[in-house]
Amino acid sequence: MTQEPLHLFQSPSELFDGFTTISTASIVSYSLYVVFAIWAIYSAVATYHWLKYSHASSIAFPAIGIHLLVSFALIALALSGNLFL
């Protein structure tokens, strides 16, 4: 009985052929969505603390509004490439 040489089931060079490549645009897009989520959480916490511990609400409300408007415009520009104002 003769023994035959072993044959590979799959070549090592074909190991990564099944994976699809991830484009740079999708990496940037998803990282901007993560930044948007962090911004939303930070803004909610900052707004809560600013309203709870600030005694000058006449300054707090316009400042919060300007912060949300400018930040949202920057996030919208970063995510879509268009400024929706």
N, C-alpha and C. Protein backbone atom coordinates (compact mmCIF):
# COMPACT_ATOMS: atom_id res chain seq x y z
N MET A 1 0.84 -1.16 0.00
CA MET A 1 0.00 0.00 0.00
C MET A 1 0.90 1.24 0.00
N THR A 2 0.68 2.10 -0.97
CA THR A 2 1.51 3.31 -1.06
C THR A 2 0.76 4.49 -0.47
N GLN A 3 1.50 5.34 0.09
CA GLN A 3 0.89 6.53 0.68
C GLN A 3 1.03 7.70 -0.28
N GLU A 4 -0.04 8.43 -0.43
CA GLU A 4 -0.02 9.61 -1.28
C GLU A 4 0.31 10.84 -0.44
N PRO A 5 0.92 11.85 -1.06
CA PRO A 5 1.24 13.06 -0.29
C PRO A 5 -0.04 13.79 0.13
N LEU A 6 0.09 14.51 1.19
CA LEU A 6 -1.05 15.29 1.69
C LEU A 6 -1.34 16.46 0.76
N HIS A 7 -2.61 16.72 0.56
CA HIS A 7 -3.04 17.87 -0.24
C HIS A 7 -3.79 18.84 0.66
N LEU A 8 -3.51 20.11 0.49
CA LEU A 8 -4.20 21.12 1.28
C LEU A 8 -5.65 21.24 0.84
N PHE A 9 -6.52 21.42 1.80
CA PHE A 9 -7.92 21.68 1.46
C PHE A 9 -8.06 23.08 0.88
N GLN A 10 -7.27 24.00 1.42
CA GLN A 10 -7.33 25.38 0.97
C GLN A 10 -5.92 25.94 1.05
N SER A 11 -5.55 26.67 0.04
CA SER A 11 -4.23 27.28 0.02
C SER A 11 -4.18 28.41 1.04
N PRO A 12 -3.06 28.59 1.71
CA PRO A 12 -2.97 29.70 2.67
C PRO A 12 -3.22 31.06 2.04
N SER A 13 -2.87 31.22 0.78
CA SER A 13 -3.10 32.51 0.13
C SER A 13 -4.59 32.77 -0.10
N GLU A 14 -5.41 31.73 -0.12
CA GLU A 14 -6.85 31.88 -0.32
C GLU A 14 -7.61 32.02 1.00
N LEU A 15 -6.88 32.07 2.08
CA LEU A 15 -7.51 32.09 3.40
C LEU A 15 -8.39 33.34 3.58
N PHE A 16 -7.93 34.48 3.11
CA PHE A 16 -8.66 35.73 3.33
C PHE A 16 -9.51 36.14 2.13
N ASP A 17 -9.65 35.30 1.14
CA ASP A 17 -10.46 35.64 -0.03
C ASP A 17 -11.95 35.74 0.29
N GLY A 18 -12.41 35.05 1.30
CA GLY A 18 -13.83 35.08 1.65
C GLY A 18 -14.25 36.35 2.35
N PHE A 19 -13.29 37.09 2.89
CA PHE A 19 -13.62 38.33 3.59
C PHE A 19 -13.78 39.45 2.58
N THR A 20 -14.78 40.28 2.80
CA THR A 20 -14.93 41.44 1.95
C THR A 20 -14.11 42.57 2.53
N THR A 21 -13.62 43.40 1.69
CA THR A 21 -12.82 44.52 2.17
C THR A 21 -13.75 45.61 2.69
N ILE A 22 -13.32 46.26 3.72
CA ILE A 22 -14.09 47.35 4.32
C ILE A 22 -13.54 48.65 3.75
N SER A 23 -14.41 49.45 3.19
CA SER A 23 -13.95 50.69 2.58
C SER A 23 -13.64 51.74 3.65
N THR A 24 -12.77 52.63 3.30
CA THR A 24 -12.40 53.71 4.21
C THR A 24 -13.60 54.61 4.50
N ALA A 25 -14.45 54.80 3.50
CA ALA A 25 -15.63 55.65 3.69
C ALA A 25 -16.57 55.08 4.74
N SER A 26 -16.74 53.76 4.76
CA SER A 26 -17.63 53.18 5.77
C SER A 26 -17.01 53.25 7.16
N ILE A 27 -15.70 53.13 7.25
CA ILE A 27 -15.03 53.26 8.56
C ILE A 27 -15.21 54.68 9.08
N VAL A 28 -15.01 55.68 8.23
CA VAL A 28 -15.18 57.07 8.63
C VAL A 28 -16.63 57.34 9.02
N SER A 29 -17.56 56.81 8.24
CA SER A 29 -18.98 57.03 8.51
C SER A 29 -19.38 56.45 9.86
N TYR A 30 -18.99 55.21 10.12
CA TYR A 30 -19.34 54.60 11.39
C TYR A 30 -18.65 55.28 12.57
N SER A 31 -17.42 55.73 12.38
CA SER A 31 -16.75 56.43 13.48
C SER A 31 -17.43 57.77 13.75
N LEU A 32 -17.96 58.43 12.72
CA LEU A 32 -18.70 59.67 12.94
C LEU A 32 -20.03 59.41 13.65
N TYR A 33 -20.65 58.27 13.39
CA TYR A 33 -21.87 57.92 14.13
C TYR A 33 -21.55 57.68 15.61
N VAL A 34 -20.40 57.10 15.90
CA VAL A 34 -19.98 56.91 17.29
C VAL A 34 -19.74 58.26 17.94
N VAL A 35 -19.09 59.16 17.22
CA VAL A 35 -18.87 60.52 17.74
C VAL A 35 -20.20 61.21 17.99
N PHE A 36 -21.16 61.04 17.08
CA PHE A 36 -22.49 61.63 17.27
C PHE A 36 -23.17 61.08 18.52
N ALA A 37 -23.07 59.79 18.76
CA ALA A 37 -23.68 59.19 19.94
C ALA A 37 -23.03 59.73 21.22
N ILE A 38 -21.71 59.84 21.22
CA ILE A 38 -21.01 60.38 22.39
C ILE A 38 -21.42 61.84 22.60
N TRP A 39 -21.52 62.61 21.50
CA TRP A 39 -21.95 64.01 21.61
C TRP A 39 -23.35 64.10 22.19
N ALA A 40 -24.26 63.24 21.75
CA ALA A 40 -25.64 63.28 22.25
C ALA A 40 -25.69 62.99 23.75
N ILE A 41 -24.95 62.00 24.19
CA ILE A 41 -24.91 61.66 25.62
C ILE A 41 -24.30 62.81 26.41
N TYR A 42 -23.17 63.32 25.92
CA TYR A 42 -22.50 64.43 26.61
C TYR A 42 -23.41 65.65 26.69
N SER A 43 -24.10 65.97 25.60
CA SER A 43 -24.98 67.14 25.59
C SER A 43 -26.14 66.97 26.56
N ALA A 44 -26.70 65.76 26.63
CA ALA A 44 -27.81 65.52 27.55
C ALA A 44 -27.36 65.66 29.01
N VAL A 45 -26.20 65.11 29.33
CA VAL A 45 -25.69 65.21 30.71
C VAL A 45 -25.31 66.64 31.04
N ALA A 46 -24.65 67.34 30.11
CA ALA A 46 -24.25 68.72 30.36
C ALA A 46 -25.47 69.62 30.51
N THR A 47 -26.49 69.41 29.69
CA THR A 47 -27.71 70.21 29.79
C THR A 47 -28.40 69.98 31.12
N TYR A 48 -28.47 68.73 31.54
CA TYR A 48 -29.11 68.42 32.83
C TYR A 48 -28.38 69.13 33.97
N HIS A 49 -27.06 69.00 33.99
CA HIS A 49 -26.30 69.61 35.09
C HIS A 49 -26.34 71.13 35.01
N TRP A 50 -26.33 71.66 33.80
CA TRP A 50 -26.36 73.10 33.66
C TRP A 50 -27.68 73.67 34.15
N LEU A 51 -28.78 73.00 33.84
CA LEU A 51 -30.08 73.48 34.30
C LEU A 51 -30.30 73.24 35.79
N LYS A 52 -29.77 72.15 36.30
CA LYS A 52 -30.00 71.83 37.70
C LYS A 52 -29.16 72.72 38.63
N TYR A 53 -27.90 72.95 38.27
CA TYR A 53 -27.00 73.64 39.19
C TYR A 53 -26.76 75.10 38.83
N SER A 54 -27.31 75.57 37.71
CA SER A 54 -27.13 76.97 37.33
C SER A 54 -28.31 77.77 37.86
N HIS A 55 -27.99 78.91 38.43
CA HIS A 55 -29.06 79.76 38.96
C HIS A 55 -29.36 80.92 38.00
N ALA A 56 -28.63 80.98 36.88
CA ALA A 56 -28.86 82.03 35.89
C ALA A 56 -29.48 81.40 34.65
N SER A 57 -30.76 81.04 34.76
CA SER A 57 -31.40 80.35 33.65
C SER A 57 -31.59 81.25 32.44
N SER A 58 -31.54 82.56 32.65
CA SER A 58 -31.66 83.47 31.50
C SER A 58 -30.44 83.34 30.59
N ILE A 59 -29.32 82.90 31.11
CA ILE A 59 -28.13 82.65 30.30
C ILE A 59 -28.09 81.19 29.84
N ALA A 60 -28.58 80.29 30.66
CA ALA A 60 -28.47 78.86 30.36
C ALA A 60 -29.29 78.46 29.15
N PHE A 61 -30.51 78.91 29.04
CA PHE A 61 -31.36 78.48 27.93
C PHE A 61 -30.82 78.92 26.57
N PRO A 62 -30.44 80.19 26.38
CA PRO A 62 -29.85 80.55 25.08
C PRO A 62 -28.52 79.84 24.81
N ALA A 63 -27.71 79.67 25.84
CA ALA A 63 -26.42 79.00 25.65
C ALA A 63 -26.60 77.54 25.24
N ILE A 64 -27.56 76.88 25.87
CA ILE A 64 -27.85 75.48 25.51
C ILE A 64 -28.39 75.42 24.08
N GLY A 65 -29.27 76.33 23.74
CA GLY A 65 -29.82 76.36 22.38
C GLY A 65 -28.74 76.59 21.33
N ILE A 66 -27.84 77.53 21.59
CA ILE A 66 -26.75 77.79 20.65
C ILE A 66 -25.83 76.59 20.56
N HIS A 67 -25.52 75.97 21.70
CA HIS A 67 -24.67 74.77 21.70
C HIS A 67 -25.29 73.66 20.86
N LEU A 68 -26.57 73.40 21.06
CA LEU A 68 -27.23 72.33 20.32
C LEU A 68 -27.31 72.64 18.83
N LEU A 69 -27.61 73.89 18.48
CA LEU A 69 -27.73 74.28 17.07
C LEU A 69 -26.38 74.18 16.35
N VAL A 70 -25.35 74.74 16.93
CA VAL A 70 -24.02 74.71 16.30
C VAL A 70 -23.48 73.28 16.25
N SER A 71 -23.61 72.55 17.33
CA SER A 71 -23.11 71.17 17.35
C SER A 71 -23.86 70.29 16.36
N PHE A 72 -25.18 70.44 16.31
CA PHE A 72 -25.95 69.64 15.36
C PHE A 72 -25.58 69.97 13.93
N ALA A 73 -25.35 71.26 13.64
CA ALA A 73 -24.95 71.66 12.29
C ALA A 73 -23.60 71.04 11.92
N LEU A 74 -22.66 71.03 12.85
CA LEU A 74 -21.35 70.43 12.58
C LEU A 74 -21.45 68.92 12.39
N ILE A 75 -22.25 68.26 13.20
CA ILE A 75 -22.43 66.81 13.07
C ILE A 75 -23.13 66.49 11.76
N ALA A 76 -24.16 67.26 11.39
CA ALA A 76 -24.86 67.02 10.13
C ALA A 76 -23.94 67.23 8.95
N LEU A 77 -23.09 68.24 9.01
CA LEU A 77 -22.13 68.48 7.94
C LEU A 77 -21.13 67.34 7.85
N ALA A 78 -20.67 66.84 8.99
CA ALA A 78 -19.69 65.76 8.99
C ALA A 78 -20.29 64.45 8.47
N LEU A 79 -21.54 64.17 8.83
CA LEU A 79 -22.15 62.90 8.43
C LEU A 79 -22.64 62.89 6.99
N SER A 80 -23.15 64.01 6.52
CA SER A 80 -23.76 64.00 5.19
C SER A 80 -22.99 64.78 4.14
N GLY A 81 -22.18 65.71 4.55
CA GLY A 81 -21.50 66.55 3.60
C GLY A 81 -22.32 67.76 3.20
N ASN A 82 -23.54 67.86 3.69
CA ASN A 82 -24.43 69.00 3.41
C ASN A 82 -24.78 69.69 4.70
N LEU A 83 -24.90 70.99 4.64
CA LEU A 83 -25.29 71.75 5.82
C LEU A 83 -26.77 72.02 5.75
N PHE A 84 -27.55 71.39 6.63
CA PHE A 84 -29.01 71.52 6.63
C PHE A 84 -29.45 72.61 7.59
N LEU A 85 -29.38 73.84 7.17
CA LEU A 85 -29.87 74.94 8.01
C LEU A 85 -30.73 75.85 7.20
